Amino acid sequence: MADERAPEVFGGQARTFPGSDDAALRWLMSAATLSDLKWLDRLWSFTEATSGLRAPHGRRLWWRLRYGRCTFFICHEPGEFRTVEPREPHDFIEDAPEPTNGLGLSTLVKSVVERIQIPAWDEDSLALQAAARVLTEDPEGAAARGFDEFGTIAETARANPVEQLQPAIESLQRHCLMQFKTPADRFSPALTLVLLQGTLGQWFDRCDYGDSFPLLEELVKRARRDDPTGIKQAIGDYGNNGYDAGKHWLSGALAAPGAVPAVRRLLIAHDSFRRAEHLRQLNDRFECGAVLKYSETVVNEGATCALSGVLTGVEFFVTSPDEYVERVRQHLSVRGRASTLRTLASPLSPTHPKIFAMALVAAAEAINPESIDKHTTSVLIGLSRFYDQEPYPEAILEMSWIDHRLMKIFRQRGQTHEEERYRTRLAARVAMDLHFRNNPPR
């Protein structure tokens, strides 16, 4: 039975927004497989406990969070994550409080899995649901089985690296990362290990891809001695390409039409930046001489931004729509429109695609009847028409969300005809969703 404290998708209003169950589970699984699930539960509980706390006037509050042998520093306002202690005069550091409840990402995932309804014919969504069940019931076992599959796919590249290396890389990303079978922070070094082994032609007879760092270091050390030109070229090519890919996919997440493609692109961005970061560290440590156009700090920031975007985006799905819009309104009243948009959708804070961030801000501006003007309403109507004109099957959630918000705005204004128009549109989307749930597409 699900933990009764765990919130439901959109506060129990998921049926009003077609596509929200699948999008919520996909986003939650993306967050829950970024790293070790116990650490993510700790991070989530910490965020819940400290998000409303601020430093004394004129200071910036950083929370010191320890996990195992690692220490992290997290600031909420503005949001930032560091692995090195902040030392500016205005920085104020406190130890993070211990979690006071068990409500973490694992609880949220379990709650959503047990509440959502997935059509029996939808193989992709059923596989996603099954992966979520396995993750919450046995996270360590799930990761072990995932890396077993990783090793099997990697063997195809070893057998014929000239023809199979690139197809194997794409298969690993598709089957292990995007289907949530391996934690992202361990997937990235494992993929780097496959890339370097295949490029250098130096394969380990036995490979524990679930713990790749020791083998990566051994491989680079050996190649630095036996093939210095090869390792220099490989690190330079893969490092710079990874950095460019990270920027590309991060921008792509912000330009996405909806949450589902956005979170996929954030995962790829995070993986690309992490691989570039590992290669930078190896290049510096073993003095391989590769010319890399990015610093370790810059690429770490890119990976952290993608990670924080995924984690922060969870709140959208486990909060009722009205409450979430009210939070946006509160930020808007204090920080202004430009700052709010940057907080919702920017390279530093990629919580939502830019187009949906515009809808959130317009909805927040329209909360009070006296604030509803033609401009605010026209923004939402324009966004609704934009979605109507383009075939965005993965943005059905956003289309329904905007129609629902317009229906409420026109109800506030007493414009019955317009309210009924958007009520009808929303009802049609809900009816169509119900139809397809019961009747598989041909």
Protein backbone atom coordinates (compact mmCIF):
# COMPACT_ATOMS: atom_id res chain seq x y z
CA MET A 1 0.00 0.00 0.00
CA ALA A 2 1.30 3.47 -0.88
CA ASP A 3 2.45 5.80 1.87
CA GLU A 4 -0.59 8.01 2.61
CA ARG A 5 1.69 11.02 3.07
CA ALA A 6 3.00 10.72 -0.47
CA PRO A 7 1.26 13.18 -2.80
CA GLU A 8 -0.59 12.06 -5.88
CA VAL A 9 0.06 13.37 -9.37
CA PHE A 10 -1.25 16.96 -9.51
CA GLY A 11 -2.79 16.53 -6.06
CA GLY A 12 -5.13 13.79 -7.28
CA GLN A 13 -6.23 15.67 -10.41
CA ALA A 14 -4.29 13.54 -12.90
CA ARG A 15 -7.44 12.41 -14.74
CA THR A 16 -8.13 16.04 -15.66
CA PHE A 17 -4.81 16.29 -17.49
CA PRO A 18 -4.31 13.50 -20.06
CA GLY A 19 -0.72 12.37 -20.28
CA SER A 20 0.15 13.47 -16.75
CA ASP A 21 0.55 9.96 -15.28
CA ASP A 22 3.08 8.85 -17.87
CA ALA A 23 4.93 12.17 -17.80
CA ALA A 24 5.04 12.19 -13.99
CA LEU A 25 6.38 8.65 -13.76
CA ARG A 26 8.97 9.29 -16.48
CA TRP A 27 10.15 12.45 -14.72
CA LEU A 28 10.23 10.79 -11.30
CA MET A 29 12.20 7.85 -12.67
CA SER A 30 14.65 10.23 -14.33
CA ALA A 31 15.23 11.87 -10.95
CA ALA A 32 15.35 8.60 -8.99
CA THR A 33 18.00 7.06 -11.26
CA LEU A 34 20.37 10.03 -11.38
CA SER A 35 22.42 8.41 -8.63
CA ASP A 36 22.18 5.99 -5.72
CA LEU A 37 18.55 6.03 -4.57
CA LYS A 38 19.42 6.28 -0.86
CA TRP A 39 21.48 9.41 -1.53
CA LEU A 40 18.71 10.90 -3.65
CA ASP A 41 16.18 10.21 -0.88
CA ARG A 42 18.50 12.03 1.53
CA LEU A 43 18.88 14.93 -0.91
CA TRP A 44 15.14 15.16 -1.47
CA SER A 45 14.34 15.14 2.25
CA PHE A 46 16.98 17.80 2.83
CA THR A 47 15.49 20.01 0.12
CA GLU A 48 12.00 19.68 1.57
CA ALA A 49 13.28 20.60 5.05
CA THR A 50 15.35 23.63 4.03
CA SER A 51 13.73 25.17 0.93
CA GLY A 52 11.99 27.92 2.92
CA LEU A 53 14.95 28.88 5.13
CA ARG A 54 17.12 31.89 4.36
CA ALA A 55 20.37 33.39 5.64
CA PRO A 56 20.61 36.55 7.77
CA HIS A 57 20.22 39.78 5.85
CA GLY A 58 23.12 40.43 3.49
CA ARG A 59 24.36 36.83 3.63
CA ARG A 60 23.96 33.86 1.31
CA LEU A 61 23.00 30.60 3.00
CA TRP A 62 24.77 27.41 1.94
CA TRP A 63 23.87 24.03 3.36
CA ARG A 64 26.69 21.54 3.95
CA LEU A 65 25.42 18.06 3.06
CA ARG A 66 27.57 14.96 3.66
CA TYR A 67 27.02 11.59 2.06
CA GLY A 68 29.61 8.86 2.56
CA ARG A 69 33.02 10.37 1.91
CA CYS A 70 31.61 13.24 -0.18
CA THR A 71 30.63 16.74 0.94
CA PHE A 72 28.31 19.00 -1.05
CA PHE A 73 27.23 22.61 -0.67
CA ILE A 74 23.74 23.64 -1.75
CA CYS A 75 22.12 27.06 -1.91
CA HIS A 76 18.42 27.58 -2.62
CA GLU A 77 18.37 31.31 -3.38
CA PRO A 78 19.57 31.48 -6.03
CA GLY A 79 19.81 27.75 -6.65
CA GLU A 80 23.37 26.43 -6.86
CA PHE A 81 25.22 23.19 -6.15
CA ARG A 82 28.97 22.96 -5.43
CA THR A 83 31.49 20.34 -4.42
CA VAL A 84 33.99 22.95 -3.15
CA GLU A 85 33.28 25.02 -0.03
CA PRO A 86 32.10 28.59 -0.88
CA ARG A 87 34.47 31.19 0.55
CA GLU A 88 33.06 34.58 -0.44
CA PRO A 89 32.66 37.12 2.41
CA HIS A 90 28.85 37.01 2.19
CA ASP A 91 28.64 33.18 2.21
CA PHE A 92 27.06 31.65 5.33
CA ILE A 93 27.38 27.85 5.81
CA GLU A 94 25.20 25.61 7.96
CA ASP A 95 25.16 21.83 8.34
CA ALA A 96 22.11 20.31 6.69
CA PRO A 97 19.51 18.94 9.13
CA GLU A 98 18.91 15.22 9.30
CA PRO A 99 15.73 14.04 7.54
CA THR A 100 12.69 13.95 9.82
CA ASN A 101 10.42 11.80 7.64
CA GLY A 102 10.64 9.03 5.09
CA LEU A 103 9.14 11.00 2.21
CA GLY A 104 11.83 10.69 -0.45
CA LEU A 105 11.98 10.06 -4.17
CA SER A 106 11.57 6.32 -3.65
CA THR A 107 8.32 6.95 -1.77
CA LEU A 108 7.07 9.28 -4.49
CA VAL A 109 7.88 6.79 -7.25
CA LYS A 110 6.17 3.97 -5.37
CA SER A 111 3.10 6.09 -4.73
CA VAL A 112 2.76 7.09 -8.38
CA VAL A 113 3.31 3.51 -9.61
CA GLU A 114 0.56 2.20 -7.34
CA ARG A 115 -1.95 4.90 -8.27
CA ILE A 116 -1.63 5.31 -12.03
CA GLN A 117 -3.55 3.28 -14.60
CA ILE A 118 -1.69 2.17 -17.73
CA PRO A 119 -3.44 0.55 -20.71
CA ALA A 120 -2.59 -3.13 -21.11
CA TRP A 121 -1.54 -2.56 -24.73
CA ASP A 122 0.95 0.26 -23.99
CA GLU A 123 4.20 -1.71 -23.88
CA ASP A 124 6.49 1.31 -23.35
CA SER A 125 4.53 2.61 -20.36
CA LEU A 126 4.17 -0.87 -18.89
CA ALA A 127 7.93 -1.36 -19.16
CA LEU A 128 8.42 2.00 -17.43
CA GLN A 129 6.06 0.97 -14.65
CA ALA A 130 7.84 -2.38 -14.25
CA ALA A 131 11.24 -0.65 -14.04
CA ALA A 132 9.86 1.66 -11.37
CA ARG A 133 8.58 -1.26 -9.30
CA VAL A 134 11.94 -3.01 -9.50
CA LEU A 135 13.77 0.17 -8.54
CA THR A 136 11.73 0.83 -5.41
CA GLU A 137 11.73 -2.83 -4.30
CA ASP A 138 15.41 -3.63 -4.92
CA PRO A 139 17.49 -0.63 -6.10
CA GLU A 140 20.85 -2.37 -5.69
CA GLY A 141 19.68 -5.50 -7.46
CA ALA A 142 18.15 -3.40 -10.25
CA ALA A 143 21.47 -1.63 -10.83
CA ALA A 144 23.41 -4.91 -10.81
CA ARG A 145 21.11 -6.42 -13.43
CA GLY A 146 21.31 -3.23 -15.45
CA PHE A 147 25.10 -3.36 -15.57
CA ASP A 148 24.96 -7.04 -16.52
CA GLU A 149 22.95 -5.96 -19.56
CA PHE A 150 25.41 -3.12 -20.11
CA GLY A 151 28.28 -5.63 -20.21
CA THR A 152 26.46 -7.87 -22.67
CA ILE A 153 25.87 -4.99 -25.09
CA ALA A 154 29.46 -3.78 -24.68
CA GLU A 155 30.72 -7.22 -25.74
CA THR A 156 29.21 -6.68 -29.19
CA ALA A 157 31.48 -3.68 -29.63
CA ARG A 158 34.51 -5.64 -28.53
CA ALA A 159 33.81 -8.37 -31.08
CA ASN A 160 33.84 -5.92 -34.01
CA PRO A 161 34.72 -2.39 -32.86
CA VAL A 162 35.07 -0.91 -36.35
CA GLU A 163 31.46 -1.65 -37.26
CA GLN A 164 29.83 -2.15 -33.87
CA LEU A 165 31.28 0.47 -31.49
CA GLN A 166 28.93 3.31 -32.43
CA PRO A 167 25.79 1.09 -32.64
CA ALA A 168 26.72 -0.37 -29.25
CA ILE A 169 27.07 3.12 -27.74
CA GLU A 170 23.63 4.08 -29.03
CA SER A 171 22.17 0.81 -27.74
CA LEU A 172 23.70 1.36 -24.29
CA GLN A 173 22.21 4.84 -24.09
CA ARG A 174 18.82 3.65 -25.24
CA HIS A 175 18.52 0.45 -23.19
CA CYS A 176 20.44 1.27 -20.00
CA LEU A 177 20.22 5.03 -19.48
CA MET A 178 16.90 6.00 -21.07
CA GLN A 179 15.08 2.93 -19.76
CA PHE A 180 16.34 3.61 -16.22
CA LYS A 181 18.24 0.34 -15.76
CA THR A 182 21.49 1.92 -14.50
CA PRO A 183 22.13 4.95 -12.24
CA ALA A 184 23.17 7.87 -14.44
CA ASP A 185 26.25 8.79 -12.40
CA ARG A 186 27.65 5.27 -12.87
CA PHE A 187 26.47 4.93 -16.46
CA SER A 188 28.58 7.89 -17.64
CA PRO A 189 32.02 6.53 -16.59
CA ALA A 190 31.01 3.07 -17.83
CA LEU A 191 30.20 4.48 -21.26
CA THR A 192 33.48 6.42 -21.25
CA LEU A 193 35.30 3.15 -20.54
CA VAL A 194 33.65 1.44 -23.52
CA LEU A 195 34.49 4.39 -25.79
CA LEU A 196 38.17 4.43 -24.82
CA GLN A 197 38.58 0.66 -24.96
CA GLY A 198 37.04 0.52 -28.42
CA THR A 199 38.98 3.47 -29.78
CA LEU A 200 42.33 2.36 -28.40
CA GLY A 201 41.76 -1.32 -29.10
CA GLN A 202 42.65 -2.19 -25.52
CA TRP A 203 39.90 -4.23 -23.87
CA PHE A 204 39.93 -5.65 -20.36
CA ASP A 205 39.21 -9.36 -20.21
CA ARG A 206 36.95 -8.83 -17.22
CA CYS A 207 35.07 -5.59 -16.71
CA ASP A 208 32.92 -4.46 -13.79
CA TYR A 209 31.02 -1.67 -15.53
CA GLY A 210 29.18 -0.88 -12.32
CA ASP A 211 32.49 0.37 -10.85
CA SER A 212 34.33 1.79 -13.85
CA PHE A 213 36.63 4.43 -12.35
CA PRO A 214 39.51 2.11 -11.33
CA LEU A 215 39.53 0.51 -14.79
CA LEU A 216 39.34 3.91 -16.48
CA GLU A 217 42.39 5.10 -14.57
CA GLU A 218 44.28 1.90 -15.33
CA LEU A 219 43.42 2.12 -19.03
CA VAL A 220 44.52 5.75 -19.37
CA LYS A 221 47.72 5.11 -17.40
CA ARG A 222 48.57 2.16 -19.65
CA ALA A 223 47.70 4.02 -22.85
CA ARG A 224 49.72 7.03 -21.71
CA ARG A 225 52.72 4.71 -21.62
CA ASP A 226 52.06 2.55 -24.71
CA ASP A 227 50.02 4.82 -27.01
CA PRO A 228 50.38 8.48 -25.92
CA THR A 229 49.21 9.86 -29.26
CA GLY A 230 46.14 7.64 -29.31
CA ILE A 231 45.00 8.53 -25.79
CA LYS A 232 45.65 12.22 -26.38
CA GLN A 233 43.50 12.16 -29.52
CA ALA A 234 40.74 10.08 -27.94
CA ILE A 235 40.42 12.26 -24.85
CA GLY A 236 40.45 15.44 -26.95
CA ASP A 237 37.81 14.19 -29.39
CA TYR A 238 35.45 12.58 -26.89
CA GLY A 239 35.88 15.32 -24.29
CA ASN A 240 35.16 18.24 -26.63
CA ASN A 241 32.34 16.37 -28.38
CA GLY A 242 30.78 15.52 -25.02
CA TYR A 243 30.93 19.14 -23.89
CA ASP A 244 29.35 20.36 -27.14
CA ALA A 245 26.69 17.65 -26.93
CA GLY A 246 25.87 18.64 -23.35
CA LYS A 247 25.26 22.24 -24.38
CA HIS A 248 23.22 21.12 -27.38
CA TRP A 249 20.93 18.85 -25.37
CA LEU A 250 20.53 21.36 -22.53
CA SER A 251 19.37 23.96 -25.05
CA GLY A 252 17.16 21.31 -26.63
CA ALA A 253 15.47 20.63 -23.29
CA LEU A 254 14.56 24.30 -22.95
CA ALA A 255 13.23 24.35 -26.52
CA ALA A 256 11.15 21.17 -26.09
CA PRO A 257 7.36 21.36 -26.54
CA GLY A 258 6.66 19.45 -23.34
CA ALA A 259 7.94 17.75 -20.20
CA VAL A 260 8.52 14.27 -21.67
CA PRO A 261 10.97 15.28 -24.43
CA ALA A 262 12.49 17.87 -22.09
CA VAL A 263 13.46 15.39 -19.38
CA ARG A 264 14.88 12.97 -21.95
CA ARG A 265 17.13 15.71 -23.27
CA LEU A 266 18.17 16.71 -19.76
CA LEU A 267 19.29 13.13 -19.08
CA ILE A 268 21.36 13.06 -22.27
CA ALA A 269 22.83 16.49 -21.42
CA HIS A 270 23.77 15.31 -17.93
CA ASP A 271 25.45 12.19 -19.31
CA SER A 272 27.34 14.17 -21.97
CA PHE A 273 28.65 16.71 -19.49
CA ARG A 274 29.64 14.00 -17.00
CA ARG A 275 31.64 12.08 -19.60
CA ALA A 276 33.40 15.30 -20.62
CA GLU A 277 34.14 15.96 -16.95
CA HIS A 278 35.63 12.48 -16.39
CA LEU A 279 37.87 12.93 -19.44
CA ARG A 280 39.02 16.34 -18.24
CA GLN A 281 39.97 14.84 -14.87
CA LEU A 282 41.84 11.94 -16.49
CA ASN A 283 43.63 14.27 -18.89
CA ASP A 284 44.83 16.50 -16.07
CA ARG A 285 45.74 13.69 -13.68
CA PHE A 286 47.79 11.64 -16.14
CA GLU A 287 49.07 14.61 -18.19
CA CYS A 288 47.82 13.21 -21.50
CA GLY A 289 48.20 16.57 -23.25
CA ALA A 290 44.78 16.67 -24.93
CA VAL A 291 43.58 20.18 -25.81
CA LEU A 292 40.17 20.59 -24.18
CA LYS A 293 38.16 23.76 -24.71
CA TYR A 294 36.43 23.63 -21.33
CA SER A 295 37.51 23.67 -17.69
CA GLU A 296 36.47 21.09 -15.11
CA THR A 297 34.48 23.78 -13.30
CA VAL A 298 32.50 24.76 -16.40
CA VAL A 299 31.59 21.21 -17.37
CA ASN A 300 30.72 20.33 -13.77
CA GLU A 301 28.35 23.30 -13.69
CA GLY A 302 26.69 22.07 -16.89
CA ALA A 303 26.10 18.61 -15.43
CA THR A 304 24.85 20.10 -12.18
CA CYS A 305 22.38 22.38 -13.97
CA ALA A 306 20.90 19.41 -15.84
CA LEU A 307 20.73 17.40 -12.61
CA SER A 308 19.08 20.20 -10.65
CA GLY A 309 16.57 20.77 -13.46
CA VAL A 310 15.43 17.16 -13.25
CA LEU A 311 15.22 17.18 -9.44
CA THR A 312 13.45 20.53 -9.24
CA GLY A 313 10.97 19.52 -11.94
CA VAL A 314 9.58 16.77 -9.70
CA GLU A 315 7.71 19.43 -7.69
CA PHE A 316 5.52 20.29 -10.68
CA PHE A 317 4.07 16.79 -10.79
CA VAL A 318 3.53 16.24 -7.06
CA THR A 319 1.84 19.60 -6.43
CA SER A 320 -1.71 20.58 -7.32
CA PRO A 321 -1.83 22.93 -10.35
CA ASP A 322 -3.37 25.78 -8.36
CA GLU A 323 -0.73 25.53 -5.63
CA TYR A 324 2.09 25.41 -8.16
CA VAL A 325 0.81 28.50 -9.97
CA GLU A 326 0.51 30.26 -6.60
CA ARG A 327 4.19 29.51 -5.93
CA VAL A 328 5.07 31.04 -9.28
CA ARG A 329 2.93 34.07 -8.40
CA GLN A 330 4.75 34.56 -5.10
CA HIS A 331 8.12 34.48 -6.85
CA LEU A 332 6.75 36.84 -9.49
CA SER A 333 5.60 39.37 -6.89
CA VAL A 334 9.05 39.48 -5.27
CA ARG A 335 11.48 38.94 -8.15
CA GLY A 336 9.63 40.17 -11.22
CA ARG A 337 8.85 38.59 -14.55
CA ALA A 338 12.35 38.29 -16.03
CA SER A 339 13.79 36.67 -12.89
CA THR A 340 10.85 34.26 -12.62
CA LEU A 341 11.24 33.13 -16.22
CA ARG A 342 14.96 32.55 -15.63
CA THR A 343 14.17 30.49 -12.52
CA LEU A 344 11.69 28.36 -14.44
CA ALA A 345 13.51 27.98 -17.76
CA SER A 346 17.15 28.91 -18.29
CA PRO A 347 20.43 27.01 -18.77
CA LEU A 348 21.13 27.51 -15.05
CA SER A 349 17.65 26.36 -14.04
CA PRO A 350 16.11 24.11 -16.74
CA THR A 351 13.03 23.11 -14.75
CA HIS A 352 10.56 23.62 -17.62
CA PRO A 353 10.69 24.17 -21.36
CA LYS A 354 10.62 27.89 -22.18
CA ILE A 355 7.24 27.77 -23.88
CA PHE A 356 5.57 26.21 -20.83
CA ALA A 357 7.37 28.60 -18.48
CA MET A 358 5.63 31.41 -20.39
CA ALA A 359 2.29 29.69 -19.71
CA LEU A 360 3.10 29.35 -15.99
CA VAL A 361 3.98 33.03 -15.66
CA ALA A 362 0.88 34.13 -17.58
CA ALA A 363 -1.26 31.90 -15.37
CA ALA A 364 0.37 33.35 -12.24
CA GLU A 365 -0.28 36.89 -13.44
CA ALA A 366 -3.94 35.98 -13.90
CA ILE A 367 -4.63 34.58 -10.43
CA ASN A 368 -6.47 37.67 -9.15
CA PRO A 369 -9.52 38.84 -11.17
CA GLU A 370 -8.36 42.46 -11.09
CA SER A 371 -5.01 41.47 -12.63
CA ILE A 372 -6.52 39.63 -15.60
CA ASP A 373 -5.95 41.84 -18.59
CA LYS A 374 -6.10 41.26 -22.31
CA HIS A 375 -2.34 40.73 -22.56
CA THR A 376 -2.25 37.98 -19.93
CA THR A 377 -5.18 36.15 -21.49
CA SER A 378 -3.87 36.58 -25.02
CA VAL A 379 -0.55 34.94 -24.04
CA LEU A 380 -2.31 31.78 -22.91
CA ILE A 381 -4.67 31.79 -25.90
CA GLY A 382 -1.70 32.24 -28.20
CA LEU A 383 0.12 29.32 -26.60
CA SER A 384 -3.02 27.19 -26.89
CA ARG A 385 -3.22 27.97 -30.61
CA PHE A 386 0.50 27.28 -31.02
CA TYR A 387 0.02 23.77 -29.70
CA ASP A 388 -3.07 23.30 -31.88
CA GLN A 389 -1.12 24.13 -35.04
CA GLU A 390 1.70 21.63 -34.46
CA PRO A 391 1.49 17.84 -34.04
CA TYR A 392 2.92 17.49 -30.52
CA PRO A 393 1.71 14.10 -29.23
CA GLU A 394 4.16 14.27 -26.30
CA ALA A 395 2.78 17.64 -25.22
CA ILE A 396 -0.81 16.53 -24.58
CA LEU A 397 -0.28 17.32 -20.90
CA GLU A 398 0.75 20.92 -21.59
CA MET A 399 -2.15 21.42 -24.01
CA SER A 400 -4.64 20.18 -21.40
CA TRP A 401 -3.00 22.26 -18.66
CA ILE A 402 -3.36 25.49 -20.67
CA ASP A 403 -6.99 24.73 -21.59
CA HIS A 404 -7.75 24.06 -17.92
CA ARG A 405 -6.17 27.33 -16.86
CA LEU A 406 -8.05 29.33 -19.53
CA MET A 407 -11.30 27.71 -18.43
CA LYS A 408 -10.67 28.90 -14.86
CA ILE A 409 -9.69 32.41 -15.97
CA PHE A 410 -12.87 32.90 -17.99
CA ARG A 411 -14.92 31.52 -15.11
CA GLN A 412 -13.37 34.17 -12.85
CA ARG A 413 -14.25 36.85 -15.37
CA GLY A 414 -17.82 35.59 -15.72
CA GLN A 415 -17.37 34.96 -19.44
CA THR A 416 -19.57 31.87 -19.63
CA HIS A 417 -19.29 31.36 -23.38
CA GLU A 418 -15.49 31.34 -23.36
CA GLU A 419 -15.38 29.21 -20.21
CA GLU A 420 -17.59 26.62 -21.89
CA ARG A 421 -15.40 26.64 -24.98
CA TYR A 422 -12.31 25.59 -23.04
CA ARG A 423 -14.29 23.23 -20.85
CA THR A 424 -15.42 21.45 -24.01
CA ARG A 425 -11.88 21.32 -25.39
CA LEU A 426 -10.60 19.84 -22.14
CA ALA A 427 -13.47 17.34 -21.94
CA ALA A 428 -12.72 16.23 -25.49
CA ARG A 429 -9.08 15.61 -24.60
CA VAL A 430 -10.08 13.61 -21.51
CA ALA A 431 -12.60 11.57 -23.52
CA MET A 432 -10.05 10.88 -26.25
CA ASP A 433 -7.49 9.81 -23.65
CA LEU A 434 -10.02 7.45 -22.07
CA HIS A 435 -10.88 6.03 -25.50
CA PHE A 436 -7.26 5.28 -26.33
CA ARG A 437 -6.71 3.74 -22.92
CA ASN A 438 -9.43 1.21 -23.70
CA ASN A 439 -8.76 0.82 -27.43
CA PRO A 440 -5.21 0.40 -28.73
CA PRO A 441 -4.35 2.55 -31.77
CA ARG A 442 -4.25 0.70 -35.09
